[in-house]
Each structure stands twice: as C-alpha cells, then as structure tokens.
PDB file of all heavy atoms in Angstrom:
ATOM      1  N   LEU A   1       1.926  -1.551  33.606  1.00  0.00           N
ATOM      2  CA  LEU A   1       2.627  -0.373  34.121  1.00  0.00           C
ATOM      3  C   LEU A   1       1.775   0.228  35.223  1.00  0.00           C
ATOM      4  O   LEU A   1       0.624   0.604  34.956  1.00  0.00           O
ATOM      5  CB  LEU A   1       2.834   0.651  33.009  1.00  0.00           C
ATOM      6  CG  LEU A   1       3.706   0.194  31.820  1.00  0.00           C
ATOM      7  CD1 LEU A   1       3.678   1.248  30.708  1.00  0.00           C
ATOM      8  CD2 LEU A   1       5.124  -0.090  32.253  1.00  0.00           C
ATOM      9  N   MET A   2       2.314   0.302  36.406  1.00  0.00           N
ATOM     10  CA  MET A   2       1.533   0.750  37.583  1.00  0.00           C
ATOM     11  C   MET A   2       1.706   2.238  37.805  1.00  0.00           C
ATOM     12  O   MET A   2       2.805   2.750  37.934  1.00  0.00           O
ATOM     13  CB  MET A   2       1.991  -0.009  38.814  1.00  0.00           C
ATOM     14  CG  MET A   2       1.355   0.456  40.111  1.00  0.00           C
ATOM     15  SD  MET A   2      -0.433   0.398  40.087  1.00  0.00           S
ATOM     16  CE  MET A   2      -0.693  -1.324  39.703  1.00  0.00           C
ATOM     17  N   VAL A   3       0.568   2.927  37.922  1.00  0.00           N
ATOM     18  CA  VAL A   3       0.511   4.353  38.342  1.00  0.00           C
ATOM     19  C   VAL A   3       0.155   4.351  39.820  1.00  0.00           C
ATOM     20  O   VAL A   3      -0.926   3.845  40.202  1.00  0.00           O
ATOM     21  CB  VAL A   3      -0.502   5.149  37.551  1.00  0.00           C
ATOM     22  CG1 VAL A   3      -0.475   6.620  37.997  1.00  0.00           C
ATOM     23  CG2 VAL A   3      -0.222   5.056  36.064  1.00  0.00           C
ATOM     24  N   ALA A   4       1.009   4.871  40.663  1.00  0.00           N
ATOM     25  CA  ALA A   4       0.748   4.974  42.101  1.00  0.00           C
ATOM     26  C   ALA A   4       0.060   6.310  42.320  1.00  0.00           C
ATOM     27  O   ALA A   4       0.629   7.353  42.042  1.00  0.00           O
ATOM     28  CB  ALA A   4       2.031   4.877  42.884  1.00  0.00           C
ATOM     29  N   THR A   5      -1.165   6.279  42.889  1.00  0.00           N
ATOM     30  CA  THR A   5      -1.851   7.542  43.154  1.00  0.00           C
ATOM     31  C   THR A   5      -1.428   8.184  44.452  1.00  0.00           C
ATOM     32  O   THR A   5      -1.631   9.358  44.663  1.00  0.00           O
ATOM     33  CB  THR A   5      -3.386   7.302  43.212  1.00  0.00           C
ATOM     34  OG1 THR A   5      -3.736   6.410  44.254  1.00  0.00           O
ATOM     35  CG2 THR A   5      -3.894   6.726  41.870  1.00  0.00           C
ATOM     36  N   ASN A   6      -0.848   7.361  45.361  1.00  0.00           N
ATOM     37  CA  ASN A   6      -0.269   7.945  46.594  1.00  0.00           C
ATOM     38  C   ASN A   6       0.892   8.850  46.230  1.00  0.00           C
ATOM     39  O   ASN A   6       1.716   8.525  45.371  1.00  0.00           O
ATOM     40  CB  ASN A   6       0.192   6.849  47.538  1.00  0.00           C
ATOM     41  CG  ASN A   6       0.589   7.385  48.897  1.00  0.00           C
ATOM     42  OD1 ASN A   6       0.145   8.451  49.315  1.00  0.00           O
ATOM     43  ND2 ASN A   6       1.478   6.658  49.576  1.00  0.00           N
ATOM     44  N   ALA A   7       0.942  10.007  46.839  1.00  0.00           N
ATOM     45  CA  ALA A   7       1.976  11.017  46.437  1.00  0.00           C
ATOM     46  C   ALA A   7       3.397  10.588  46.703  1.00  0.00           C
ATOM     47  O   ALA A   7       4.326  11.058  46.034  1.00  0.00           O
ATOM     48  CB  ALA A   7       1.658  12.329  47.152  1.00  0.00           C
ATOM     49  N   HIS A   8       3.604   9.716  47.691  1.00  0.00           N
ATOM     50  CA  HIS A   8       4.974   9.310  48.059  1.00  0.00           C
ATOM     51  C   HIS A   8       5.147   7.814  47.935  1.00  0.00           C
ATOM     52  O   HIS A   8       4.366   7.024  48.541  1.00  0.00           O
ATOM     53  CB  HIS A   8       5.293   9.783  49.502  1.00  0.00           C
ATOM     54  CG  HIS A   8       5.269  11.256  49.645  1.00  0.00           C
ATOM     55  ND1 HIS A   8       6.369  12.067  49.326  1.00  0.00           N
ATOM     56  CD2 HIS A   8       4.284  12.101  50.062  1.00  0.00           C
ATOM     57  CE1 HIS A   8       6.011  13.308  49.570  1.00  0.00           C
ATOM     58  NE2 HIS A   8       4.785  13.362  50.014  1.00  0.00           N
ATOM     59  N   ILE A   9       6.151   7.394  47.206  1.00  0.00           N
ATOM     60  CA  ILE A   9       6.457   5.961  47.050  1.00  0.00           C
ATOM     61  C   ILE A   9       7.920   5.742  47.437  1.00  0.00           C
ATOM     62  O   ILE A   9       8.820   6.483  46.979  1.00  0.00           O
ATOM     63  CB  ILE A   9       6.228   5.512  45.597  1.00  0.00           C
ATOM     64  CG1 ILE A   9       4.743   5.570  45.249  1.00  0.00           C
ATOM     65  CG2 ILE A   9       6.804   4.112  45.365  1.00  0.00           C
ATOM     66  CD1 ILE A   9       3.873   4.592  46.042  1.00  0.00           C
ATOM     67  N   GLY A  10       8.148   4.745  48.272  1.00  0.00           N
ATOM     68  CA  GLY A  10       9.524   4.380  48.700  1.00  0.00           C
ATOM     69  C   GLY A  10       9.884   4.920  50.049  1.00  0.00           C
ATOM     70  O   GLY A  10      10.972   4.613  50.535  1.00  0.00           O
ATOM     71  N   ASN A  11       8.977   5.668  50.742  1.00  0.00           N
ATOM     72  CA  ASN A  11       9.357   6.312  51.963  1.00  0.00           C
ATOM     73  C   ASN A  11       9.587   5.337  53.099  1.00  0.00           C
ATOM     74  O   ASN A  11      10.253   5.713  54.091  1.00  0.00           O
ATOM     75  CB  ASN A  11       8.290   7.366  52.375  1.00  0.00           C
ATOM     76  CG  ASN A  11       6.891   6.808  52.296  1.00  0.00           C
ATOM     77  OD1 ASN A  11       6.499   6.215  51.305  1.00  0.00           O
ATOM     78  ND2 ASN A  11       6.129   6.985  53.330  1.00  0.00           N
ATOM     79  N   TYR A  12       9.076   4.100  53.049  1.00  0.00           N
ATOM     80  CA  TYR A  12       9.346   3.169  54.111  1.00  0.00           C
ATOM     81  C   TYR A  12      10.203   1.972  53.630  1.00  0.00           C
ATOM     82  O   TYR A  12      10.290   0.941  54.311  1.00  0.00           O
ATOM     83  CB  TYR A  12       8.062   2.700  54.840  1.00  0.00           C
ATOM     84  CG  TYR A  12       7.015   2.021  53.981  1.00  0.00           C
ATOM     85  CD1 TYR A  12       7.091   0.702  53.632  1.00  0.00           C
ATOM     86  CD2 TYR A  12       5.910   2.776  53.524  1.00  0.00           C
ATOM     87  CE1 TYR A  12       6.100   0.076  52.872  1.00  0.00           C
ATOM     88  CE2 TYR A  12       4.915   2.172  52.760  1.00  0.00           C
ATOM     89  CZ  TYR A  12       5.009   0.797  52.449  1.00  0.00           C
ATOM     90  OH  TYR A  12       4.025   0.210  51.719  1.00  0.00           O
ATOM     91  N   GLY A  13      10.829   2.135  52.519  1.00  0.00           N
ATOM     92  CA  GLY A  13      11.798   1.126  52.033  1.00  0.00           C
ATOM     93  C   GLY A  13      11.176  -0.199  51.699  1.00  0.00           C
ATOM     94  O   GLY A  13       9.998  -0.294  51.326  1.00  0.00           O
ATOM     95  N   VAL A  14      11.979  -1.268  51.843  1.00  0.00           N
ATOM     96  CA  VAL A  14      11.576  -2.590  51.442  1.00  0.00           C
ATOM     97  C   VAL A  14      11.850  -3.580  52.572  1.00  0.00           C
ATOM     98  O   VAL A  14      12.941  -3.540  53.198  1.00  0.00           O
ATOM     99  CB  VAL A  14      12.299  -3.068  50.175  1.00  0.00           C
ATOM    100  CG1 VAL A  14      12.002  -4.508  49.868  1.00  0.00           C
ATOM    101  CG2 VAL A  14      11.934  -2.172  49.025  1.00  0.00           C
ATOM    102  N   ASN A  15      10.895  -4.442  52.911  1.00  0.00           N
ATOM    103  CA  ASN A  15      11.060  -5.498  53.902  1.00  0.00           C
ATOM    104  C   ASN A  15      10.880  -6.835  53.199  1.00  0.00           C
ATOM    105  O   ASN A  15       9.843  -7.078  52.580  1.00  0.00           O
ATOM    106  CB  ASN A  15      10.045  -5.330  55.006  1.00  0.00           C
ATOM    107  CG  ASN A  15      10.263  -6.315  56.170  1.00  0.00           C
ATOM    108  OD1 ASN A  15      10.482  -7.480  55.961  1.00  0.00           O
ATOM    109  ND2 ASN A  15      10.154  -5.831  57.400  1.00  0.00           N
ATOM    110  N   GLU A  16      11.842  -7.716  53.281  1.00  0.00           N
ATOM    111  CA  GLU A  16      11.839  -8.956  52.542  1.00  0.00           C
ATOM    112  C   GLU A  16      10.685  -9.884  52.920  1.00  0.00           C
ATOM    113  O   GLU A  16      10.321 -10.833  52.159  1.00  0.00           O
ATOM    114  CB  GLU A  16      13.144  -9.714  52.723  1.00  0.00           C
ATOM    115  CG  GLU A  16      13.499 -10.085  54.163  1.00  0.00           C
ATOM    116  CD  GLU A  16      14.857 -10.669  54.326  1.00  0.00           C
ATOM    117  OE1 GLU A  16      15.678 -10.583  53.371  1.00  0.00           O
ATOM    118  OE2 GLU A  16      15.151 -11.208  55.372  1.00  0.00           O
ATOM    119  N   LYS A  17      10.068  -9.651  54.109  1.00  0.00           N
ATOM    120  CA  LYS A  17       8.956 -10.478  54.524  1.00  0.00           C
ATOM    121  C   LYS A  17       7.624 -10.045  53.908  1.00  0.00           C
ATOM    122  O   LYS A  17       6.633 -10.769  54.044  1.00  0.00           O
ATOM    123  CB  LYS A  17       8.828 -10.453  56.052  1.00  0.00           C
ATOM    124  CG  LYS A  17      10.000 -11.011  56.789  1.00  0.00           C
ATOM    125  CD  LYS A  17       9.809 -10.914  58.319  1.00  0.00           C
ATOM    126  CE  LYS A  17      11.001 -11.493  59.086  1.00  0.00           C
ATOM    127  NZ  LYS A  17      10.809 -11.351  60.558  1.00  0.00           N
ATOM    128  N   GLU A  18       7.631  -8.919  53.202  1.00  0.00           N
ATOM    129  CA  GLU A  18       6.357  -8.376  52.691  1.00  0.00           C
ATOM    130  C   GLU A  18       6.269  -8.465  51.170  1.00  0.00           C
ATOM    131  O   GLU A  18       5.936  -7.505  50.500  1.00  0.00           O
ATOM    132  CB  GLU A  18       6.207  -6.919  53.168  1.00  0.00           C
ATOM    133  CG  GLU A  18       6.114  -6.827  54.681  1.00  0.00           C
ATOM    134  CD  GLU A  18       6.132  -5.416  55.193  1.00  0.00           C
ATOM    135  OE1 GLU A  18       6.356  -4.464  54.362  1.00  0.00           O
ATOM    136  OE2 GLU A  18       5.961  -5.194  56.424  1.00  0.00           O
ATOM    137  N   VAL A  19       6.551  -9.651  50.690  1.00  0.00           N
ATOM    138  CA  VAL A  19       6.487  -9.847  49.215  1.00  0.00           C
ATOM    139  C   VAL A  19       5.387 -10.897  48.941  1.00  0.00           C
ATOM    140  O   VAL A  19       5.109 -11.717  49.770  1.00  0.00           O
ATOM    141  CB  VAL A  19       7.816 -10.372  48.626  1.00  0.00           C
ATOM    142  CG1 VAL A  19       8.893  -9.274  48.800  1.00  0.00           C
ATOM    143  CG2 VAL A  19       8.306 -11.633  49.312  1.00  0.00           C
ATOM    144  N   GLU A  20       4.818 -10.827  47.761  1.00  0.00           N
ATOM    145  CA  GLU A  20       3.726 -11.737  47.382  1.00  0.00           C
ATOM    146  C   GLU A  20       4.227 -12.810  46.349  1.00  0.00           C
ATOM    147  O   GLU A  20       3.429 -13.632  45.972  1.00  0.00           O
ATOM    148  CB  GLU A  20       2.556 -10.958  46.798  1.00  0.00           C
ATOM    149  CG  GLU A  20       1.834 -10.077  47.798  1.00  0.00           C
ATOM    150  CD  GLU A  20       1.041 -10.843  48.825  1.00  0.00           C
ATOM    151  OE1 GLU A  20       1.045 -12.082  48.799  1.00  0.00           O
ATOM    152  OE2 GLU A  20       0.409 -10.209  49.673  1.00  0.00           O
ATOM    153  N   SER A  21       5.469 -12.663  45.963  1.00  0.00           N
ATOM    154  CA  SER A  21       6.027 -13.663  45.025  1.00  0.00           C
ATOM    155  C   SER A  21       7.537 -13.577  45.125  1.00  0.00           C
ATOM    156  O   SER A  21       8.123 -12.962  46.020  1.00  0.00           O
ATOM    157  CB  SER A  21       5.549 -13.376  43.604  1.00  0.00           C
ATOM    158  OG  SER A  21       6.116 -12.157  43.127  1.00  0.00           O
ATOM    159  N   ASP A  22       8.225 -14.234  44.131  1.00  0.00           N
ATOM    160  CA  ASP A  22       9.700 -14.286  44.176  1.00  0.00           C
ATOM    161  C   ASP A  22      10.364 -13.062  43.615  1.00  0.00           C
ATOM    162  O   ASP A  22      11.578 -13.012  43.499  1.00  0.00           O
ATOM    163  CB  ASP A  22      10.170 -15.519  43.437  1.00  0.00           C
ATOM    164  CG  ASP A  22       9.725 -15.548  41.984  1.00  0.00           C
ATOM    165  OD1 ASP A  22       8.988 -14.612  41.584  1.00  0.00           O
ATOM    166  OD2 ASP A  22      10.093 -16.495  41.269  1.00  0.00           O
ATOM    167  N   GLY A  23       9.598 -12.010  43.284  1.00  0.00           N
ATOM    168  CA  GLY A  23      10.219 -10.817  42.760  1.00  0.00           C
ATOM    169  C   GLY A  23       9.189  -9.832  42.226  1.00  0.00           C
ATOM    170  O   GLY A  23       7.987 -10.069  42.257  1.00  0.00           O
ATOM    171  N   ILE A  24       9.656  -8.703  41.675  1.00  0.00           N
ATOM    172  CA  ILE A  24       8.743  -7.684  41.159  1.00  0.00           C
ATOM    173  C   ILE A  24       8.066  -8.227  39.896  1.00  0.00           C
ATOM    174  O   ILE A  24       8.666  -8.861  39.035  1.00  0.00           O
ATOM    175  CB  ILE A  24       9.544  -6.427  40.769  1.00  0.00           C
ATOM    176  CG1 ILE A  24      10.069  -5.782  42.066  1.00  0.00           C
ATOM    177  CG2 ILE A  24       8.661  -5.424  40.030  1.00  0.00           C
ATOM    178  CD1 ILE A  24      11.000  -4.587  41.821  1.00  0.00           C
ATOM    179  N   LYS A  25       6.746  -7.977  39.800  1.00  0.00           N
ATOM    180  CA  LYS A  25       5.983  -8.491  38.663  1.00  0.00           C
ATOM    181  C   LYS A  25       5.414  -7.379  37.779  1.00  0.00           C
ATOM    182  O   LYS A  25       5.040  -7.685  36.639  1.00  0.00           O
ATOM    183  CB  LYS A  25       4.836  -9.367  39.210  1.00  0.00           C
ATOM    184  CG  LYS A  25       5.292 -10.674  39.849  1.00  0.00           C
ATOM    185  CD  LYS A  25       6.008 -11.559  38.883  1.00  0.00           C
ATOM    186  CE  LYS A  25       6.410 -12.909  39.454  1.00  0.00           C
ATOM    187  NZ  LYS A  25       7.493 -12.822  40.442  1.00  0.00           N
ATOM    188  N   ILE A  26       5.326  -6.162  38.273  1.00  0.00           N
ATOM    189  CA  ILE A  26       4.871  -5.075  37.401  1.00  0.00           C
ATOM    190  C   ILE A  26       5.931  -4.834  36.312  1.00  0.00           C
ATOM    191  O   ILE A  26       7.105  -5.147  36.455  1.00  0.00           O
ATOM    192  CB  ILE A  26       4.575  -3.791  38.194  1.00  0.00           C
ATOM    193  CG1 ILE A  26       5.842  -3.278  38.878  1.00  0.00           C
ATOM    194  CG2 ILE A  26       3.465  -3.958  39.191  1.00  0.00           C
ATOM    195  CD1 ILE A  26       5.683  -1.884  39.486  1.00  0.00           C
ATOM    196  N   SER A  27       5.487  -4.250  35.160  1.00  0.00           N
ATOM    197  CA  SER A  27       6.401  -3.978  34.081  1.00  0.00           C
ATOM    198  C   SER A  27       7.214  -2.725  34.323  1.00  0.00           C
ATOM    199  O   SER A  27       8.316  -2.541  33.825  1.00  0.00           O
ATOM    200  CB  SER A  27       5.644  -3.884  32.751  1.00  0.00           C
ATOM    201  OG  SER A  27       5.036  -5.111  32.442  1.00  0.00           O
ATOM    202  N   GLY A  28       6.582  -1.792  35.067  1.00  0.00           N
ATOM    203  CA  GLY A  28       7.237  -0.518  35.322  1.00  0.00           C
ATOM    204  C   GLY A  28       6.382   0.324  36.267  1.00  0.00           C
ATOM    205  O   GLY A  28       5.202   0.002  36.489  1.00  0.00           O
ATOM    206  N   LEU A  29       6.938   1.366  36.824  1.00  0.00           N
ATOM    207  CA  LEU A  29       6.230   2.235  37.800  1.00  0.00           C
ATOM    208  C   LEU A  29       6.213   3.658  37.348  1.00  0.00           C
ATOM    209  O   LEU A  29       7.230   4.164  36.867  1.00  0.00           O
ATOM    210  CB  LEU A  29       6.891   2.115  39.167  1.00  0.00           C
ATOM    211  CG  LEU A  29       6.283   2.976  40.282  1.00  0.00           C
ATOM    212  CD1 LEU A  29       4.840   2.507  40.605  1.00  0.00           C
ATOM    213  CD2 LEU A  29       7.161   2.957  41.532  1.00  0.00           C
ATOM    214  N   ILE A  30       5.060   4.316  37.580  1.00  0.00           N
ATOM    215  CA  ILE A  30       4.897   5.752  37.307  1.00  0.00           C
ATOM    216  C   ILE A  30       4.426   6.401  38.631  1.00  0.00           C
ATOM    217  O   ILE A  30       3.394   5.930  39.202  1.00  0.00           O
ATOM    218  CB  ILE A  30       3.889   5.998  36.200  1.00  0.00           C
ATOM    219  CG1 ILE A  30       4.292   5.297  34.907  1.00  0.00           C
ATOM    220  CG2 ILE A  30       3.707   7.495  35.962  1.00  0.00           C
ATOM    221  CD1 ILE A  30       3.252   4.462  34.281  1.00  0.00           C
ATOM    222  N   CYS A  31       5.130   7.371  39.144  1.00  0.00           N
ATOM    223  CA  CYS A  31       4.720   7.948  40.403  1.00  0.00           C
ATOM    224  C   CYS A  31       4.980   9.465  40.443  1.00  0.00           C
ATOM    225  O   CYS A  31       5.598  10.020  39.508  1.00  0.00           O
ATOM    226  CB  CYS A  31       5.453   7.292  41.572  1.00  0.00           C
ATOM    227  SG  CYS A  31       7.246   7.475  41.559  1.00  0.00           S
ATOM    228  N   LYS A  32       4.536  10.111  41.491  1.00  0.00           N
ATOM    229  CA  LYS A  32       4.739  11.535  41.655  1.00  0.00           C
ATOM    230  C   LYS A  32       6.051  11.828  42.356  1.00  0.00           C
ATOM    231  O   LYS A  32       6.944  12.449  41.771  1.00  0.00           O
ATOM    232  CB  LYS A  32       3.556  12.123  42.459  1.00  0.00           C
ATOM    233  CG  LYS A  32       3.684  13.648  42.754  1.00  0.00           C
ATOM    234  CD  LYS A  32       3.791  14.493  41.499  1.00  0.00           C
ATOM    235  CE  LYS A  32       3.872  15.995  41.885  1.00  0.00           C
ATOM    236  NZ  LYS A  32       4.107  16.788  40.661  1.00  0.00           N
ATOM    237  N   ASN A  33       6.164  11.402  43.620  1.00  0.00           N
ATOM    238  CA  ASN A  33       7.382  11.668  44.385  1.00  0.00           C
ATOM    239  C   ASN A  33       8.036  10.323  44.754  1.00  0.00           C
ATOM    240  O   ASN A  33       7.461   9.548  45.499  1.00  0.00           O
ATOM    241  CB  ASN A  33       7.077  12.443  45.626  1.00  0.00           C
ATOM    242  CG  ASN A  33       6.447  13.794  45.345  1.00  0.00           C
ATOM    243  OD1 ASN A  33       6.968  14.604  44.589  1.00  0.00           O
ATOM    244  ND2 ASN A  33       5.296  14.046  45.924  1.00  0.00           N
ATOM    245  N   PHE A  34       9.226  10.132  44.299  1.00  0.00           N
ATOM    246  CA  PHE A  34       9.974   8.854  44.631  1.00  0.00           C
ATOM    247  C   PHE A  34      10.972   9.180  45.717  1.00  0.00           C
ATOM    248  O   PHE A  34      11.775  10.086  45.639  1.00  0.00           O
ATOM    249  CB  PHE A  34      10.746   8.363  43.443  1.00  0.00           C
ATOM    250  CG  PHE A  34      11.363   7.002  43.630  1.00  0.00           C
ATOM    251  CD1 PHE A  34      10.637   5.844  43.347  1.00  0.00           C
ATOM    252  CD2 PHE A  34      12.602   6.899  44.187  1.00  0.00           C
ATOM    253  CE1 PHE A  34      11.174   4.608  43.557  1.00  0.00           C
ATOM    254  CE2 PHE A  34      13.182   5.627  44.358  1.00  0.00           C
ATOM    255  CZ  PHE A  34      12.445   4.463  44.059  1.00  0.00           C
ATOM    256  N   SER A  35      10.842   8.454  46.851  1.00  0.00           N
ATOM    257  CA  SER A  35      11.681   8.667  47.996  1.00  0.00           C
ATOM    258  C   SER A  35      12.947   7.855  47.904  1.00  0.00           C
ATOM    259  O   SER A  35      12.947   6.633  47.975  1.00  0.00           O
ATOM    260  CB  SER A  35      10.950   8.283  49.311  1.00  0.00           C
ATOM    261  OG  SER A  35       9.798   9.078  49.457  1.00  0.00           O
ATOM    262  N   PHE A  36      14.088   8.507  47.696  1.00  0.00           N
ATOM    263  CA  PHE A  36      15.393   7.858  47.621  1.00  0.00           C
ATOM    264  C   PHE A  36      15.891   7.469  49.028  1.00  0.00           C
ATOM    265  O   PHE A  36      16.735   6.561  49.165  1.00  0.00           O
ATOM    266  CB  PHE A  36      16.420   8.748  46.932  1.00  0.00           C
ATOM    267  CG  PHE A  36      16.090   8.879  45.439  1.00  0.00           C
ATOM    268  CD1 PHE A  36      15.281   9.906  44.987  1.00  0.00           C
ATOM    269  CD2 PHE A  36      16.641   7.997  44.516  1.00  0.00           C
ATOM    270  CE1 PHE A  36      14.999  10.028  43.662  1.00  0.00           C
ATOM    271  CE2 PHE A  36      16.359   8.139  43.176  1.00  0.00           C
ATOM    272  CZ  PHE A  36      15.564   9.180  42.746  1.00  0.00           C
ATOM    273  N   ASN A  37      15.375   8.136  50.033  1.00  0.00           N
ATOM    274  CA  ASN A  37      15.703   7.837  51.435  1.00  0.00           C
ATOM    275  C   ASN A  37      14.446   7.247  52.092  1.00  0.00           C
ATOM    276  O   ASN A  37      13.323   7.571  51.759  1.00  0.00           O
ATOM    277  CB  ASN A  37      16.124   9.069  52.160  1.00  0.00           C
ATOM    278  CG  ASN A  37      17.382   9.687  51.578  1.00  0.00           C
ATOM    279  OD1 ASN A  37      18.320   9.009  51.338  1.00  0.00           O
ATOM    280  ND2 ASN A  37      17.328  11.015  51.347  1.00  0.00           N
ATOM    281  N   HIS A  38      14.681   6.310  53.066  1.00  0.00           N
ATOM    282  CA  HIS A  38      13.550   5.745  53.788  1.00  0.00           C
ATOM    283  C   HIS A  38      13.836   5.800  55.268  1.00  0.00           C
ATOM    284  O   HIS A  38      15.009   5.903  55.702  1.00  0.00           O
ATOM    285  CB  HIS A  38      13.366   4.281  53.334  1.00  0.00           C
ATOM    286  CG  HIS A  38      14.495   3.407  53.589  1.00  0.00           C
ATOM    287  ND1 HIS A  38      15.615   3.346  52.728  1.00  0.00           N
ATOM    288  CD2 HIS A  38      14.739   2.516  54.551  1.00  0.00           C
ATOM    289  CE1 HIS A  38      16.467   2.458  53.200  1.00  0.00           C
ATOM    290  NE2 HIS A  38      15.980   1.924  54.295  1.00  0.00           N
TER     291      HIS A  38
END
C-alpha cells in the first residue's frame, strides 16, 4: 500500500508511454489531495 508524500497526486494525468509494466502493481494508494482534473 503506497503512501504518497507529495501533497498532490493525479494533477498531470496518465501517459501510456510512462509505465514500467503491463499495469498497476501497488495494492492500493493513500494520499493527501487527489486531483480529479489534470
């Protein structure tokens, strides 16, 4: 379970070229501010 220490997560969206495997590998995410818009 990943805790993101950066205050904002999701602010620049997702780019398919910037992956390290075939999909998400963490079990879950814990963050402070989740950006629904990017």
